[in-house]
Amino acid sequence: MADELPAALIIHEVESLRIVYMNQPGLDILGTTLEEIQAIGSETYHVKYFNAEDSDEYVPKILHLIKTGGRQQVSYFQQVRVPEKTEWQLFVSNTKVFARNETGEVTHLLTIASMLDPTHHITTKVNRLMNEVAFLRQNNLLFSRLTRREREILKYIAMGMSSPEIAAKLFIAAATAETHRKNIKNKLGLKNNYDAVKFAQAYNLV
């Protein structure tokens, strides 16, 4: 029956993270065989087929599921590299406990992963959201270096305001506003106003 599912079905062994089963639709999506997946090992498997940045979001949830041994499931998005595609393909995945040993410890997990239609508008929105999450993750340290005043001025820069306009808005000297602008540019590595807008939007300043 698993081979009739319109999705990939995977069973992981918890202790080793080894894949002990994958249905044929899943193998076809990745263009491989179960023997090949088991031969390369779990670490290489994840590096080869999955966007590592996504794991920061869903791995802690799966670890909590294993620890608690609950009956609930974990739902998450994954970006997967499939043959003959240059861009990541977006999947929605659901993982739950599949088997336990005699003492009740979780031994196996079951995951069902369905590819989202890349032409659907929802897929475009989800991809945009995941890109924003990745941007936040990569730039949190830089953004944390800004003072409260610099964050306020970044907002106005993103709105297209000049230094004299910002100065009038905040009742400060134009030279002070320009100094803040230069400091923000250096701290965030901004190359143009588009970069400022991207930061301001990502951190909900505008």
N, C-alpha and C. Protein backbone atom coordinates (compact mmCIF):
# COMPACT_ATOMS: atom_id res chain seq x y z
N MET A 1 0.81 -1.21 0.00
CA MET A 1 0.00 0.00 0.00
C MET A 1 0.86 1.27 0.00
N ALA A 2 2.02 1.20 0.64
CA ALA A 2 2.87 2.39 0.74
C ALA A 2 3.28 2.91 -0.63
N ASP A 3 3.47 2.00 -1.58
CA ASP A 3 3.88 2.42 -2.91
C ASP A 3 2.76 3.08 -3.70
N GLU A 4 1.54 3.01 -3.20
CA GLU A 4 0.41 3.65 -3.86
C GLU A 4 0.17 5.07 -3.33
N LEU A 5 0.87 5.44 -2.29
CA LEU A 5 0.70 6.77 -1.72
C LEU A 5 1.26 7.84 -2.66
N PRO A 6 0.59 8.99 -2.77
CA PRO A 6 1.12 10.09 -3.59
C PRO A 6 2.10 10.94 -2.79
N ALA A 7 2.99 10.29 -2.05
CA ALA A 7 3.94 10.99 -1.19
C ALA A 7 5.05 10.02 -0.80
N ALA A 8 6.15 10.58 -0.29
CA ALA A 8 7.24 9.76 0.21
C ALA A 8 6.93 9.30 1.63
N LEU A 9 7.18 8.03 1.92
CA LEU A 9 7.00 7.48 3.26
C LEU A 9 8.34 6.92 3.70
N ILE A 10 8.83 7.40 4.85
CA ILE A 10 10.15 7.03 5.32
C ILE A 10 10.08 6.56 6.77
N ILE A 11 10.80 5.48 7.08
CA ILE A 11 10.91 5.01 8.46
C ILE A 11 12.36 5.11 8.88
N HIS A 12 12.61 5.87 9.97
CA HIS A 12 13.95 6.06 10.52
C HIS A 12 14.12 5.24 11.80
N GLU A 13 15.29 4.68 11.96
CA GLU A 13 15.66 4.08 13.23
C GLU A 13 16.22 5.21 14.10
N VAL A 14 15.66 5.40 15.27
CA VAL A 14 16.01 6.55 16.10
C VAL A 14 17.46 6.53 16.56
N GLU A 15 17.94 5.41 17.03
CA GLU A 15 19.28 5.34 17.62
C GLU A 15 20.37 5.74 16.63
N SER A 16 20.28 5.26 15.40
CA SER A 16 21.32 5.51 14.41
C SER A 16 20.91 6.52 13.35
N LEU A 17 19.63 6.92 13.34
CA LEU A 17 19.05 7.79 12.32
C LEU A 17 19.09 7.14 10.93
N ARG A 18 19.35 5.84 10.90
CA ARG A 18 19.40 5.11 9.63
C ARG A 18 18.00 4.94 9.06
N ILE A 19 17.88 5.10 7.75
CA ILE A 19 16.60 4.86 7.08
C ILE A 19 16.47 3.36 6.85
N VAL A 20 15.45 2.78 7.44
CA VAL A 20 15.24 1.34 7.28
C VAL A 20 14.22 1.04 6.20
N TYR A 21 13.44 2.06 5.81
CA TYR A 21 12.47 1.84 4.74
C TYR A 21 12.12 3.18 4.08
N MET A 22 11.97 3.16 2.76
CA MET A 22 11.41 4.28 2.01
C MET A 22 10.60 3.71 0.87
N ASN A 23 9.38 4.19 0.70
CA ASN A 23 8.54 3.64 -0.37
C ASN A 23 9.07 4.07 -1.74
N GLN A 24 8.55 3.44 -2.79
CA GLN A 24 9.06 3.68 -4.13
C GLN A 24 8.85 5.12 -4.60
N PRO A 25 7.70 5.74 -4.32
CA PRO A 25 7.55 7.16 -4.71
C PRO A 25 8.64 8.05 -4.11
N GLY A 26 9.01 7.79 -2.85
CA GLY A 26 10.08 8.57 -2.23
C GLY A 26 11.42 8.35 -2.91
N LEU A 27 11.72 7.10 -3.22
CA LEU A 27 12.97 6.77 -3.91
C LEU A 27 13.00 7.38 -5.30
N ASP A 28 11.85 7.39 -5.97
CA ASP A 28 11.78 7.98 -7.31
C ASP A 28 12.02 9.48 -7.26
N ILE A 29 11.49 10.14 -6.24
CA ILE A 29 11.67 11.59 -6.10
C ILE A 29 13.16 11.92 -5.98
N LEU A 30 13.89 11.13 -5.18
CA LEU A 30 15.31 11.38 -4.96
C LEU A 30 16.19 10.76 -6.04
N GLY A 31 15.60 9.91 -6.88
CA GLY A 31 16.36 9.26 -7.94
C GLY A 31 17.42 8.32 -7.41
N THR A 32 17.06 7.52 -6.41
CA THR A 32 18.03 6.63 -5.79
C THR A 32 17.35 5.34 -5.36
N THR A 33 18.08 4.50 -4.63
CA THR A 33 17.54 3.26 -4.10
C THR A 33 17.77 3.23 -2.59
N LEU A 34 17.05 2.36 -1.91
CA LEU A 34 17.22 2.23 -0.47
C LEU A 34 18.65 1.79 -0.14
N GLU A 35 19.19 0.89 -0.96
CA GLU A 35 20.55 0.40 -0.72
C GLU A 35 21.57 1.54 -0.82
N GLU A 36 21.38 2.43 -1.79
CA GLU A 36 22.30 3.54 -1.97
C GLU A 36 22.21 4.51 -0.78
N ILE A 37 20.99 4.77 -0.32
CA ILE A 37 20.79 5.67 0.82
C ILE A 37 21.46 5.09 2.07
N GLN A 38 21.26 3.82 2.30
CA GLN A 38 21.85 3.19 3.49
C GLN A 38 23.37 3.14 3.39
N ALA A 39 23.89 3.04 2.17
CA ALA A 39 25.34 2.93 1.98
C ALA A 39 26.06 4.25 2.28
N ILE A 40 25.42 5.38 1.96
CA ILE A 40 26.09 6.67 2.15
C ILE A 40 26.00 7.16 3.60
N GLY A 41 25.12 6.57 4.39
CA GLY A 41 25.01 6.96 5.79
C GLY A 41 24.05 8.13 5.98
N SER A 42 23.55 8.27 7.21
CA SER A 42 22.51 9.26 7.48
C SER A 42 23.02 10.70 7.35
N GLU A 43 24.26 10.96 7.80
CA GLU A 43 24.78 12.33 7.74
C GLU A 43 24.94 12.80 6.30
N THR A 44 25.55 11.98 5.46
CA THR A 44 25.73 12.33 4.05
C THR A 44 24.39 12.44 3.34
N TYR A 45 23.47 11.58 3.71
CA TYR A 45 22.12 11.60 3.13
C TYR A 45 21.46 12.96 3.33
N HIS A 46 21.53 13.48 4.56
CA HIS A 46 20.89 14.75 4.85
C HIS A 46 21.59 15.91 4.16
N VAL A 47 22.91 15.87 4.09
CA VAL A 47 23.66 16.93 3.42
C VAL A 47 23.37 16.92 1.92
N LYS A 48 23.25 15.74 1.35
CA LYS A 48 23.06 15.61 -0.10
C LYS A 48 21.69 16.05 -0.56
N TYR A 49 20.66 15.76 0.24
CA TYR A 49 19.30 15.97 -0.25
C TYR A 49 18.53 17.12 0.42
N PHE A 50 19.00 17.61 1.57
CA PHE A 50 18.19 18.58 2.32
C PHE A 50 18.95 19.87 2.62
N ASN A 51 18.20 20.96 2.71
CA ASN A 51 18.76 22.24 3.08
C ASN A 51 19.00 22.23 4.60
N ALA A 52 20.27 22.29 4.98
CA ALA A 52 20.63 22.17 6.40
C ALA A 52 20.03 23.27 7.25
N GLU A 53 19.79 24.45 6.65
CA GLU A 53 19.25 25.56 7.44
C GLU A 53 17.84 25.26 7.96
N ASP A 54 17.10 24.44 7.23
CA ASP A 54 15.74 24.09 7.67
C ASP A 54 15.75 23.28 8.96
N SER A 55 16.80 22.48 9.14
CA SER A 55 16.83 21.56 10.28
C SER A 55 16.80 22.28 11.63
N ASP A 56 17.27 23.53 11.64
CA ASP A 56 17.25 24.30 12.89
C ASP A 56 15.82 24.51 13.38
N GLU A 57 14.87 24.44 12.46
CA GLU A 57 13.48 24.68 12.81
C GLU A 57 12.77 23.41 13.28
N TYR A 58 13.02 22.30 12.57
CA TYR A 58 12.21 21.12 12.88
C TYR A 58 12.91 20.03 13.70
N VAL A 59 14.23 19.99 13.68
CA VAL A 59 14.93 18.95 14.44
C VAL A 59 14.63 19.03 15.94
N PRO A 60 14.65 20.22 16.57
CA PRO A 60 14.31 20.29 18.00
C PRO A 60 12.91 19.75 18.30
N LYS A 61 11.98 19.97 17.38
CA LYS A 61 10.62 19.47 17.58
C LYS A 61 10.59 17.94 17.52
N ILE A 62 11.36 17.38 16.60
CA ILE A 62 11.41 15.92 16.47
C ILE A 62 12.10 15.31 17.69
N LEU A 63 13.17 15.96 18.16
CA LEU A 63 13.86 15.46 19.36
C LEU A 63 12.94 15.48 20.57
N HIS A 64 12.11 16.51 20.67
CA HIS A 64 11.14 16.58 21.76
C HIS A 64 10.11 15.46 21.64
N LEU A 65 9.72 15.18 20.40
CA LEU A 65 8.77 14.09 20.15
C LEU A 65 9.35 12.76 20.61
N ILE A 66 10.63 12.54 20.30
CA ILE A 66 11.30 11.30 20.71
C ILE A 66 11.39 11.22 22.23
N LYS A 67 11.75 12.34 22.85
CA LYS A 67 11.94 12.36 24.30
C LYS A 67 10.64 12.09 25.04
N THR A 68 9.56 12.70 24.58
CA THR A 68 8.29 12.54 25.28
C THR A 68 7.56 11.28 24.85
N GLY A 69 7.86 10.79 23.63
CA GLY A 69 7.20 9.58 23.15
C GLY A 69 5.71 9.77 22.94
N GLY A 70 5.32 11.01 22.68
CA GLY A 70 3.90 11.32 22.54
C GLY A 70 3.29 10.77 21.26
N ARG A 71 1.99 10.87 21.19
CA ARG A 71 1.27 10.38 20.02
C ARG A 71 0.99 11.48 19.00
N GLN A 72 1.37 12.71 19.35
CA GLN A 72 1.16 13.80 18.41
C GLN A 72 2.16 13.71 17.26
N GLN A 73 1.98 14.53 16.24
CA GLN A 73 2.90 14.54 15.12
C GLN A 73 3.53 15.92 14.99
N VAL A 74 4.68 15.97 14.32
CA VAL A 74 5.37 17.23 14.06
C VAL A 74 5.23 17.54 12.57
N SER A 75 4.74 18.72 12.25
CA SER A 75 4.58 19.15 10.86
C SER A 75 5.58 20.26 10.56
N TYR A 76 6.17 20.22 9.38
CA TYR A 76 7.20 21.20 9.03
C TYR A 76 7.42 21.21 7.52
N PHE A 77 8.07 22.28 7.05
CA PHE A 77 8.45 22.40 5.65
C PHE A 77 9.91 22.00 5.49
N GLN A 78 10.20 21.39 4.35
CA GLN A 78 11.57 21.00 4.02
C GLN A 78 11.89 21.41 2.59
N GLN A 79 13.11 21.88 2.37
CA GLN A 79 13.59 22.12 1.02
C GLN A 79 14.47 20.94 0.62
N VAL A 80 14.10 20.31 -0.48
CA VAL A 80 14.76 19.06 -0.89
C VAL A 80 15.38 19.23 -2.27
N ARG A 81 16.58 18.69 -2.41
CA ARG A 81 17.25 18.72 -3.71
C ARG A 81 16.89 17.43 -4.47
N VAL A 82 16.26 17.59 -5.60
CA VAL A 82 15.86 16.43 -6.40
C VAL A 82 16.61 16.46 -7.73
N PRO A 83 16.77 15.29 -8.38
CA PRO A 83 17.53 15.22 -9.63
C PRO A 83 16.96 16.15 -10.71
N GLU A 84 17.88 16.71 -11.50
CA GLU A 84 17.55 17.54 -12.66
C GLU A 84 16.82 18.83 -12.30
N LYS A 85 16.91 19.26 -11.03
CA LYS A 85 16.32 20.53 -10.60
C LYS A 85 17.41 21.38 -9.97
N THR A 86 17.52 22.63 -10.42
CA THR A 86 18.55 23.51 -9.88
C THR A 86 18.09 24.19 -8.60
N GLU A 87 16.78 24.35 -8.43
CA GLU A 87 16.25 25.00 -7.24
C GLU A 87 15.74 23.97 -6.24
N TRP A 88 15.73 24.36 -4.98
CA TRP A 88 15.16 23.49 -3.96
C TRP A 88 13.68 23.27 -4.23
N GLN A 89 13.21 22.04 -3.98
CA GLN A 89 11.80 21.73 -4.09
C GLN A 89 11.20 21.70 -2.68
N LEU A 90 10.06 22.32 -2.53
CA LEU A 90 9.46 22.46 -1.21
C LEU A 90 8.52 21.30 -0.91
N PHE A 91 8.70 20.71 0.28
CA PHE A 91 7.87 19.60 0.75
C PHE A 91 7.25 19.99 2.08
N VAL A 92 6.04 19.48 2.33
CA VAL A 92 5.47 19.56 3.67
C VAL A 92 5.54 18.15 4.25
N SER A 93 6.13 18.04 5.45
CA SER A 93 6.39 16.73 6.04
C SER A 93 5.73 16.61 7.41
N ASN A 94 5.36 15.39 7.74
CA ASN A 94 4.75 15.09 9.03
C ASN A 94 5.46 13.86 9.61
N THR A 95 5.93 14.00 10.85
CA THR A 95 6.66 12.92 11.51
C THR A 95 5.96 12.53 12.80
N LYS A 96 5.87 11.23 13.05
CA LYS A 96 5.28 10.74 14.28
C LYS A 96 6.03 9.49 14.74
N VAL A 97 5.79 9.11 15.99
CA VAL A 97 6.39 7.89 16.53
C VAL A 97 5.77 6.70 15.82
N PHE A 98 6.63 5.77 15.37
CA PHE A 98 6.15 4.59 14.65
C PHE A 98 6.23 3.32 15.49
N ALA A 99 7.27 3.21 16.31
CA ALA A 99 7.43 1.99 17.11
C ALA A 99 8.20 2.29 18.39
N ARG A 100 7.92 1.47 19.42
CA ARG A 100 8.60 1.56 20.71
C ARG A 100 9.10 0.18 21.11
N ASN A 101 10.07 0.14 22.01
CA ASN A 101 10.54 -1.16 22.51
C ASN A 101 9.72 -1.58 23.74
N GLU A 102 10.14 -2.65 24.40
CA GLU A 102 9.37 -3.20 25.50
C GLU A 102 9.25 -2.23 26.68
N THR A 103 10.23 -1.32 26.82
CA THR A 103 10.21 -0.36 27.94
C THR A 103 9.51 0.94 27.58
N GLY A 104 9.00 1.01 26.35
CA GLY A 104 8.28 2.21 25.93
C GLY A 104 9.12 3.26 25.26
N GLU A 105 10.42 3.01 25.10
CA GLU A 105 11.29 3.98 24.44
C GLU A 105 11.03 3.97 22.94
N VAL A 106 11.09 5.15 22.33
CA VAL A 106 10.85 5.27 20.89
C VAL A 106 12.03 4.67 20.13
N THR A 107 11.74 3.78 19.20
CA THR A 107 12.80 3.14 18.40
C THR A 107 12.76 3.55 16.93
N HIS A 108 11.58 3.90 16.43
CA HIS A 108 11.46 4.24 15.02
C HIS A 108 10.48 5.41 14.83
N LEU A 109 10.77 6.23 13.84
CA LEU A 109 9.89 7.34 13.46
C LEU A 109 9.39 7.13 12.04
N LEU A 110 8.19 7.58 11.79
CA LEU A 110 7.60 7.51 10.45
C LEU A 110 7.35 8.92 9.95
N THR A 111 7.79 9.19 8.73
CA THR A 111 7.60 10.51 8.11
C THR A 111 6.92 10.36 6.77
N ILE A 112 5.95 11.20 6.52
CA ILE A 112 5.32 11.28 5.20
C ILE A 112 5.60 12.68 4.66
N ALA A 113 6.18 12.75 3.47
CA ALA A 113 6.57 14.03 2.87
C ALA A 113 5.91 14.19 1.50
N SER A 114 5.21 15.30 1.33
CA SER A 114 4.51 15.57 0.06
C SER A 114 5.09 16.80 -0.60
N MET A 115 5.41 16.69 -1.89
CA MET A 115 5.94 17.83 -2.62
C MET A 115 4.81 18.82 -2.94
N LEU A 116 5.07 20.11 -2.67
CA LEU A 116 4.11 21.13 -3.02
C LEU A 116 4.29 21.52 -4.48
N ASP A 117 3.19 21.82 -5.13
CA ASP A 117 3.24 22.23 -6.53
C ASP A 117 4.02 23.53 -6.63
N PRO A 118 5.17 23.54 -7.33
CA PRO A 118 6.00 24.74 -7.40
C PRO A 118 5.32 25.92 -8.09
N THR A 119 4.26 25.65 -8.85
CA THR A 119 3.57 26.74 -9.56
C THR A 119 2.42 27.33 -8.75
N HIS A 120 2.11 26.71 -7.61
CA HIS A 120 0.99 27.19 -6.81
C HIS A 120 1.39 28.44 -6.04
N HIS A 121 0.47 29.40 -5.90
CA HIS A 121 0.80 30.65 -5.24
C HIS A 121 1.16 30.44 -3.77
N ILE A 122 0.59 29.42 -3.14
CA ILE A 122 0.93 29.15 -1.75
C ILE A 122 2.39 28.75 -1.62
N THR A 123 2.89 27.96 -2.56
CA THR A 123 4.28 27.55 -2.54
C THR A 123 5.20 28.75 -2.63
N THR A 124 4.85 29.69 -3.48
CA THR A 124 5.65 30.92 -3.62
C THR A 124 5.70 31.68 -2.30
N LYS A 125 4.58 31.77 -1.62
CA LYS A 125 4.52 32.49 -0.34
C LYS A 125 5.33 31.77 0.73
N VAL A 126 5.22 30.44 0.77
CA VAL A 126 5.97 29.68 1.77
C VAL A 126 7.47 29.81 1.53
N ASN A 127 7.87 29.75 0.26
CA ASN A 127 9.28 29.92 -0.07
C ASN A 127 9.79 31.28 0.37
N ARG A 128 8.97 32.31 0.16
CA ARG A 128 9.36 33.65 0.56
C ARG A 128 9.52 33.73 2.07
N LEU A 129 8.60 33.10 2.80
CA LEU A 129 8.68 33.09 4.26
C LEU A 129 9.92 32.36 4.74
N MET A 130 10.24 31.24 4.13
CA MET A 130 11.42 30.48 4.53
C MET A 130 12.70 31.25 4.23
N ASN A 131 12.69 31.99 3.13
CA ASN A 131 13.85 32.83 2.80
C ASN A 131 14.03 33.93 3.85
N GLU A 132 12.91 34.49 4.31
CA GLU A 132 12.98 35.52 5.34
C GLU A 132 13.51 34.95 6.66
N VAL A 133 13.07 33.74 6.99
CA VAL A 133 13.56 33.09 8.21
C VAL A 133 15.06 32.85 8.11
N ALA A 134 15.52 32.41 6.94
CA ALA A 134 16.95 32.19 6.74
C ALA A 134 17.72 33.50 6.85
N PHE A 135 17.14 34.58 6.33
CA PHE A 135 17.78 35.90 6.41
C PHE A 135 17.91 36.34 7.86
N LEU A 136 16.86 36.15 8.65
CA LEU A 136 16.90 36.50 10.07
C LEU A 136 17.98 35.71 10.79
N ARG A 137 18.04 34.43 10.50
CA ARG A 137 19.01 33.56 11.17
C ARG A 137 20.44 33.99 10.86
N GLN A 138 20.67 34.39 9.61
CA GLN A 138 22.01 34.76 9.18
C GLN A 138 22.43 36.15 9.67
N ASN A 139 21.45 37.01 9.97
CA ASN A 139 21.79 38.40 10.27
C ASN A 139 21.42 38.87 11.67
N ASN A 140 20.99 37.95 12.52
CA ASN A 140 20.60 38.33 13.88
C ASN A 140 21.74 39.01 14.64
N LEU A 141 22.94 38.48 14.50
CA LEU A 141 24.08 39.05 15.20
C LEU A 141 24.36 40.47 14.74
N LEU A 142 24.31 40.69 13.43
CA LEU A 142 24.54 42.04 12.89
C LEU A 142 23.48 43.00 13.39
N PHE A 143 22.22 42.59 13.32
CA PHE A 143 21.13 43.48 13.71
C PHE A 143 21.18 43.79 15.21
N SER A 144 21.62 42.83 16.01
CA SER A 144 21.68 43.03 17.46
C SER A 144 22.69 44.11 17.84
N ARG A 145 23.60 44.45 16.93
CA ARG A 145 24.61 45.47 17.22
C ARG A 145 24.06 46.89 17.09
N LEU A 146 22.90 47.03 16.47
CA LEU A 146 22.31 48.35 16.31
C LEU A 146 21.73 48.84 17.64
N THR A 147 21.90 50.13 17.90
CA THR A 147 21.28 50.73 19.07
C THR A 147 19.80 50.97 18.78
N ARG A 148 19.05 51.33 19.82
CA ARG A 148 17.62 51.62 19.63
C ARG A 148 17.43 52.77 18.64
N ARG A 149 18.27 53.81 18.75
CA ARG A 149 18.19 54.95 17.83
C ARG A 149 18.53 54.55 16.41
N GLU A 150 19.53 53.69 16.24
CA GLU A 150 19.91 53.25 14.90
C GLU A 150 18.81 52.43 14.25
N ARG A 151 18.11 51.63 15.03
CA ARG A 151 16.99 50.86 14.47
C ARG A 151 15.87 51.80 14.03
N GLU A 152 15.67 52.84 14.80
CA GLU A 152 14.65 53.82 14.44
C GLU A 152 15.01 54.53 13.15
N ILE A 153 16.28 54.88 13.01
CA ILE A 153 16.73 55.57 11.80
C ILE A 153 16.73 54.63 10.60
N LEU A 154 17.07 53.35 10.83
CA LEU A 154 17.01 52.36 9.75
C LEU A 154 15.61 52.31 9.16
N LYS A 155 14.62 52.41 10.01
CA LYS A 155 13.23 52.42 9.55
C LYS A 155 12.99 53.55 8.57
N TYR A 156 13.47 54.73 8.91
CA TYR A 156 13.24 55.90 8.04
C TYR A 156 14.09 55.83 6.77
N ILE A 157 15.28 55.24 6.88
CA ILE A 157 16.10 55.03 5.68
C ILE A 157 15.36 54.14 4.70
N ALA A 158 14.77 53.07 5.24
CA ALA A 158 14.03 52.13 4.39
C ALA A 158 12.81 52.79 3.76
N MET A 159 12.30 53.83 4.41
CA MET A 159 11.14 54.55 3.88
C MET A 159 11.55 55.60 2.85
N GLY A 160 12.87 55.66 2.57
CA GLY A 160 13.37 56.56 1.54
C GLY A 160 13.65 57.98 2.00
N MET A 161 13.70 58.20 3.30
CA MET A 161 13.93 59.54 3.82
C MET A 161 15.42 59.89 3.80
N SER A 162 15.72 61.15 3.52
CA SER A 162 17.10 61.64 3.51
C SER A 162 17.52 61.95 4.94
N SER A 163 18.82 62.21 5.12
CA SER A 163 19.32 62.56 6.46
C SER A 163 18.66 63.82 7.02
N PRO A 164 18.53 64.92 6.22
CA PRO A 164 17.84 66.10 6.74
C PRO A 164 16.38 65.81 7.13
N GLU A 165 15.71 64.95 6.36
CA GLU A 165 14.32 64.60 6.69
C GLU A 165 14.25 63.79 7.97
N ILE A 166 15.20 62.88 8.14
CA ILE A 166 15.24 62.08 9.37
C ILE A 166 15.55 62.98 10.56
N ALA A 167 16.47 63.93 10.37
CA ALA A 167 16.84 64.85 11.44
C ALA A 167 15.63 65.65 11.90
N ALA A 168 14.85 66.15 10.93
CA ALA A 168 13.66 66.93 11.28
C ALA A 168 12.64 66.07 12.00
N LYS A 169 12.53 64.81 11.59
CA LYS A 169 11.56 63.89 12.19
C LYS A 169 11.92 63.60 13.65
N LEU A 170 13.22 63.47 13.92
CA LEU A 170 13.66 63.06 15.26
C LEU A 170 14.20 64.22 16.10
N PHE A 171 14.15 65.43 15.54
CA PHE A 171 14.62 66.62 16.24
C PHE A 171 16.09 66.51 16.63
N ILE A 172 16.89 66.07 15.66
CA ILE A 172 18.33 65.99 15.85
C ILE A 172 19.01 66.73 14.71
N ALA A 173 20.31 66.97 14.83
CA ALA A 173 21.04 67.67 13.77
C ALA A 173 21.18 66.77 12.55
N ALA A 174 21.21 67.38 11.37
CA ALA A 174 21.36 66.62 10.12
C ALA A 174 22.67 65.86 10.12
N ALA A 175 23.72 66.45 10.67
CA ALA A 175 25.01 65.79 10.73
C ALA A 175 24.95 64.54 11.61
N THR A 176 24.16 64.62 12.70
CA THR A 176 23.99 63.46 13.59
C THR A 176 23.25 62.35 12.86
N ALA A 177 22.22 62.71 12.12
CA ALA A 177 21.46 61.72 11.35
C ALA A 177 22.36 61.05 10.31
N GLU A 178 23.22 61.84 9.68
CA GLU A 178 24.12 61.30 8.66
C GLU A 178 25.15 60.36 9.30
N THR A 179 25.61 60.70 10.49
CA THR A 179 26.55 59.83 11.21
C THR A 179 25.89 58.50 11.55
N HIS A 180 24.65 58.57 12.02
CA HIS A 180 23.91 57.34 12.30
C HIS A 180 23.75 56.50 11.04
N ARG A 181 23.45 57.16 9.94
CA ARG A 181 23.27 56.45 8.66
C ARG A 181 24.55 55.70 8.28
N LYS A 182 25.70 56.35 8.43
CA LYS A 182 26.97 55.71 8.08
C LYS A 182 27.27 54.55 9.03
N ASN A 183 26.96 54.73 10.31
CA ASN A 183 27.21 53.66 11.27
C ASN A 183 26.34 52.43 10.98
N ILE A 184 25.09 52.68 10.62
CA ILE A 184 24.17 51.59 10.27
C ILE A 184 24.68 50.85 9.04
N LYS A 185 25.11 51.61 8.06
CA LYS A 185 25.62 51.02 6.83
C LYS A 185 26.82 50.12 7.12
N ASN A 186 27.72 50.60 7.98
CA ASN A 186 28.92 49.81 8.30
C ASN A 186 28.59 48.58 9.13
N LYS A 187 27.70 48.72 10.09
CA LYS A 187 27.36 47.60 10.97
C LYS A 187 26.65 46.49 10.22
N LEU A 188 25.77 46.85 9.29
CA LEU A 188 24.98 45.85 8.57
C LEU A 188 25.58 45.48 7.22
N GLY A 189 26.60 46.21 6.80
CA GLY A 189 27.20 45.93 5.49
C GLY A 189 26.27 46.27 4.34
N LEU A 190 25.53 47.36 4.48
CA LEU A 190 24.56 47.75 3.46
C LEU A 190 25.28 48.30 2.23
N LYS A 191 24.83 47.87 1.07
CA LYS A 191 25.40 48.37 -0.19
C LYS A 191 24.51 49.40 -0.85
N ASN A 192 23.23 49.31 -0.59
CA ASN A 192 22.28 50.24 -1.21
C ASN A 192 21.01 50.30 -0.38
N ASN A 193 20.06 51.10 -0.85
CA ASN A 193 18.81 51.27 -0.09
C ASN A 193 17.98 49.99 -0.08
N TYR A 194 18.13 49.16 -1.11
CA TYR A 194 17.40 47.89 -1.14
C TYR A 194 17.78 47.03 0.05
N ASP A 195 19.08 47.02 0.40
CA ASP A 195 19.53 46.24 1.55
C ASP A 195 18.89 46.77 2.84
N ALA A 196 18.78 48.09 2.94
CA ALA A 196 18.15 48.68 4.12
C ALA A 196 16.69 48.27 4.22
N VAL A 197 16.00 48.29 3.09
CA VAL A 197 14.59 47.88 3.06
C VAL A 197 14.45 46.43 3.48
N LYS A 198 15.36 45.58 3.01
CA LYS A 198 15.30 44.16 3.33
C LYS A 198 15.44 43.92 4.83
N PHE A 199 16.39 44.62 5.46
CA PHE A 199 16.56 44.50 6.91
C PHE A 199 15.34 45.02 7.65
N ALA A 200 14.85 46.18 7.22
CA ALA A 200 13.70 46.79 7.91
C ALA A 200 12.46 45.91 7.81
N GLN A 201 12.24 45.31 6.66
CA GLN A 201 11.08 44.43 6.49
C GLN A 201 11.25 43.15 7.30
N ALA A 202 12.44 42.58 7.28
CA ALA A 202 12.69 41.33 7.99
C ALA A 202 12.48 41.48 9.49
N TYR A 203 12.84 42.65 10.02
CA TYR A 203 12.74 42.86 11.46
C TYR A 203 11.54 43.73 11.84
N ASN A 204 10.57 43.76 10.92
CA ASN A 204 9.27 44.41 11.20
C ASN A 204 9.39 45.87 11.61
N LEU A 205 10.31 46.57 10.99
CA LEU A 205 10.45 48.00 11.24
C LEU A 205 9.51 48.82 10.35
N VAL A 206 9.16 48.23 9.22
CA VAL A 206 8.23 48.90 8.29
C VAL A 206 7.14 47.91 7.90
